[in-house]
Amino acid sequence: MPTVHSHFFRSGALRPHVQIEITIRTLQCPQSYLPVSSFVNAVTKQPPEVPSIACIDPAESASDKLSALAWRIPDRVRGGKEGDLALLKELTLANKSFPTLVAASMQEDDRRSKNNPSFAGLPMSEKFRQLLTILETEKDAYAREYDLFVKGVSYAAEGDIPDFAAAVEALHSLVQITLISHS
């Protein structure tokens, strides 16, 4: 990887290179159209630079993130070159259609695990069990990574950022809601 030099401070939470993963599939929910504005235009109360752009439904995005978390944590090789500190950004909120969207996303993601081939075909409950077990048994390491990522990229006020324990508690709730709806 080439060395990148900058005159600006770079947070340790940000990766020095960009990794993009694109999945092309049909949307599960209708798209909505929203404006996009820079911070400058928002603060100066100027019109958005992009008046309307197609956006994915937040519930669909959240379900994709929970599905990704369910396969990425068990697939991760801790300390390996593929270690992704941003995995825990996948924790997010959802709405009432969330469990159905999670089930569909997990079906789409069934064979995405590279380091854990036995993960494919497992029931959703077992995938979640593996995820939660790893987060519990390696909680110190994941808590450090979570703090590094969240404090490095969040715009929330210091007291408004949930700690790792609260994020995992929210994850448990999302998993329970999803499993109860699909049992």
Protein backbone atom coordinates (compact mmCIF):
# COMPACT_ATOMS: atom_id res chain seq x y z
CA MET A 1 0.00 0.00 0.00
CA PRO A 2 1.44 3.42 -0.91
CA THR A 3 2.21 5.92 1.84
CA VAL A 4 -0.16 8.87 1.92
CA HIS A 5 1.18 12.18 3.24
CA SER A 6 -1.12 14.90 4.52
CA HIS A 7 -0.78 18.31 6.15
CA PHE A 8 -3.91 17.62 8.17
CA PHE A 9 -4.39 15.59 11.34
CA ARG A 10 -5.85 12.18 10.55
CA SER A 11 -7.85 10.42 13.24
CA GLY A 12 -6.63 6.95 14.16
CA ALA A 13 -10.24 5.77 13.69
CA LEU A 14 -10.11 6.39 9.95
CA ARG A 15 -8.49 3.95 7.61
CA PRO A 16 -5.68 5.40 5.48
CA HIS A 17 -7.21 3.89 2.36
CA VAL A 18 -10.75 3.57 1.07
CA GLN A 19 -12.40 0.19 0.88
CA ILE A 20 -15.63 0.02 -1.04
CA GLU A 21 -17.92 -2.95 -1.16
CA ILE A 22 -20.90 -2.78 -3.48
CA THR A 23 -23.80 -5.19 -3.52
CA ILE A 24 -26.22 -4.88 -6.39
CA ARG A 25 -29.69 -6.23 -5.70
CA THR A 26 -33.30 -5.19 -5.93
CA LEU A 27 -34.53 -2.89 -3.18
CA GLN A 28 -36.90 -4.48 -0.68
CA CYS A 29 -38.63 -1.17 0.18
CA PRO A 30 -39.66 1.74 -2.03
CA GLN A 31 -36.98 4.39 -2.48
CA SER A 32 -37.56 7.90 -1.24
CA TYR A 33 -36.24 11.17 -2.63
CA LEU A 34 -34.42 13.54 -0.33
CA PRO A 35 -32.27 16.69 -0.68
CA VAL A 36 -28.52 16.59 0.02
CA SER A 37 -26.83 19.60 1.55
CA SER A 38 -23.31 20.34 2.77
CA PHE A 39 -22.71 21.42 6.34
CA VAL A 40 -21.88 24.89 5.02
CA ASN A 41 -25.18 25.26 3.19
CA ALA A 42 -27.11 23.83 6.14
CA VAL A 43 -25.50 26.27 8.62
CA THR A 44 -25.86 29.26 6.32
CA LYS A 45 -29.44 28.23 5.49
CA GLN A 46 -28.72 28.00 1.77
CA PRO A 47 -30.66 25.60 -0.47
CA PRO A 48 -29.27 22.07 -0.78
CA GLU A 49 -26.70 21.50 -3.49
CA VAL A 50 -28.68 18.44 -4.64
CA PRO A 51 -32.42 19.16 -4.47
CA SER A 52 -33.51 15.51 -4.78
CA ILE A 53 -31.75 12.15 -4.94
CA ALA A 54 -33.08 8.59 -4.66
CA CYS A 55 -32.34 7.11 -1.22
CA ILE A 56 -32.68 3.65 0.28
CA ASP A 57 -35.21 3.25 3.09
CA PRO A 58 -33.44 3.55 6.49
CA ALA A 59 -35.05 0.29 7.69
CA GLU A 60 -33.62 -1.56 4.70
CA SER A 61 -30.19 -0.08 5.29
CA ALA A 62 -30.39 -1.05 8.99
CA SER A 63 -31.43 -4.61 8.15
CA ASP A 64 -28.51 -4.94 5.72
CA LYS A 65 -26.16 -3.71 8.46
CA LEU A 66 -27.43 -6.22 11.02
CA SER A 67 -27.11 -9.01 8.48
CA ALA A 68 -23.57 -7.86 7.66
CA LEU A 69 -22.67 -7.78 11.35
CA ALA A 70 -24.04 -11.30 11.76
CA TRP A 71 -21.69 -12.75 9.13
CA ARG A 72 -18.70 -10.41 9.41
CA ILE A 73 -17.95 -10.87 13.12
CA PRO A 74 -17.82 -14.71 12.89
CA ASP A 75 -15.89 -14.39 9.60
CA ARG A 76 -13.30 -12.00 11.01
CA VAL A 77 -9.74 -13.14 11.56
CA ARG A 78 -8.68 -11.03 14.55
CA GLY A 79 -5.26 -9.54 13.98
CA GLY A 80 -5.30 -10.55 10.33
CA LYS A 81 -4.70 -8.17 7.46
CA GLU A 82 -8.45 -8.08 6.83
CA GLY A 83 -9.30 -6.83 10.37
CA ASP A 84 -11.95 -4.16 9.89
CA LEU A 85 -12.24 -1.74 12.81
CA ALA A 86 -15.43 -0.35 11.32
CA LEU A 87 -17.44 -3.54 11.78
CA LEU A 88 -19.27 -2.20 14.79
CA LYS A 89 -20.63 0.75 12.84
CA GLU A 90 -23.21 -1.75 11.65
CA LEU A 91 -25.18 -1.33 14.92
CA THR A 92 -28.24 0.77 14.13
CA LEU A 93 -31.95 1.42 14.81
CA ALA A 94 -34.96 0.11 12.92
CA ASN A 95 -38.74 0.13 12.42
CA LYS A 96 -41.54 -2.46 12.49
CA SER A 97 -40.66 -4.00 9.11
CA PHE A 98 -37.12 -4.54 10.33
CA PRO A 99 -37.35 -8.29 11.17
CA THR A 100 -38.63 -9.16 7.69
CA LEU A 101 -35.94 -7.04 6.07
CA VAL A 102 -33.23 -8.64 8.26
CA ALA A 103 -34.37 -12.14 7.28
CA ALA A 104 -34.24 -11.20 3.58
CA SER A 105 -30.81 -9.57 3.95
CA MET A 106 -29.46 -12.59 5.82
CA GLN A 107 -30.73 -14.87 3.05
CA GLU A 108 -28.91 -12.70 0.48
CA ASP A 109 -25.73 -12.73 2.63
CA ASP A 110 -25.84 -16.46 3.36
CA ARG A 111 -22.65 -17.35 1.45
CA ARG A 112 -20.64 -14.14 1.96
CA SER A 113 -18.43 -15.43 4.76
CA LYS A 114 -14.93 -16.13 3.43
CA ASN A 115 -13.13 -17.45 6.52
CA ASN A 116 -16.02 -19.41 8.03
CA PRO A 117 -17.49 -21.62 5.24
CA SER A 118 -19.67 -23.56 7.71
CA PHE A 119 -21.60 -20.31 8.30
CA ALA A 120 -23.53 -20.74 5.03
CA GLY A 121 -26.88 -22.41 5.52
CA LEU A 122 -27.00 -21.95 9.29
CA PRO A 123 -30.34 -20.85 10.73
CA MET A 124 -30.62 -17.16 11.55
CA SER A 125 -30.71 -17.96 15.28
CA GLU A 126 -27.34 -19.76 15.08
CA LYS A 127 -25.76 -16.93 13.09
CA PHE A 128 -26.88 -14.47 15.76
CA ARG A 129 -25.69 -16.82 18.53
CA GLN A 130 -22.20 -16.89 16.99
CA LEU A 131 -22.17 -13.11 16.63
CA LEU A 132 -23.23 -12.46 20.23
CA THR A 133 -20.87 -15.12 21.62
CA ILE A 134 -17.89 -13.57 19.85
CA LEU A 135 -18.82 -10.07 21.03
CA GLU A 136 -19.04 -11.41 24.60
CA THR A 137 -15.86 -13.53 24.59
CA GLU A 138 -13.80 -10.82 22.87
CA LYS A 139 -15.60 -7.85 24.44
CA ASP A 140 -12.46 -6.04 25.59
CA ALA A 141 -10.99 -5.98 22.09
CA TYR A 142 -14.28 -5.07 20.43
CA ALA A 143 -14.99 -2.39 23.06
CA ARG A 144 -11.61 -0.75 22.28
CA GLU A 145 -12.32 -0.85 18.54
CA TYR A 146 -15.84 0.46 19.05
CA ASP A 147 -14.56 3.39 21.14
CA LEU A 148 -11.86 4.14 18.58
CA PHE A 149 -14.33 4.12 15.71
CA VAL A 150 -17.22 5.94 17.40
CA LYS A 151 -15.12 8.67 18.98
CA GLY A 152 -13.21 9.12 15.73
CA VAL A 153 -16.13 9.56 13.37
CA SER A 154 -19.22 10.55 15.37
CA TYR A 155 -20.57 14.08 15.28
CA ALA A 156 -22.60 13.48 18.45
CA ALA A 157 -21.78 15.33 21.64
CA GLU A 158 -19.49 13.39 23.99
CA GLY A 159 -22.28 12.52 26.45
CA ASP A 160 -24.64 11.43 23.67
CA ILE A 161 -22.48 8.62 22.31
CA PRO A 162 -23.61 5.19 23.58
CA ASP A 163 -20.81 3.09 25.04
CA PHE A 164 -20.03 -0.42 23.82
CA ALA A 165 -22.17 -2.09 26.48
CA ALA A 166 -25.20 0.00 25.47
CA ALA A 167 -24.59 -0.76 21.78
CA VAL A 168 -24.40 -4.51 22.47
CA GLU A 169 -27.54 -4.28 24.62
CA ALA A 170 -29.33 -2.60 21.70
CA LEU A 171 -27.99 -5.33 19.41
CA HIS A 172 -29.44 -8.00 21.75
CA SER A 173 -32.82 -6.23 21.53
CA LEU A 174 -32.71 -6.11 17.72
CA VAL A 175 -31.77 -9.79 17.56
CA GLN A 176 -34.63 -10.72 19.94
CA ILE A 177 -37.16 -8.71 17.96
CA THR A 178 -35.97 -10.33 14.74
CA LEU A 179 -35.99 -13.88 16.11
CA ILE A 180 -39.39 -13.55 17.82
CA SER A 181 -40.92 -12.27 14.58
CA HIS A 182 -39.49 -15.22 12.63
CA SER A 183 -40.07 -18.11 15.00
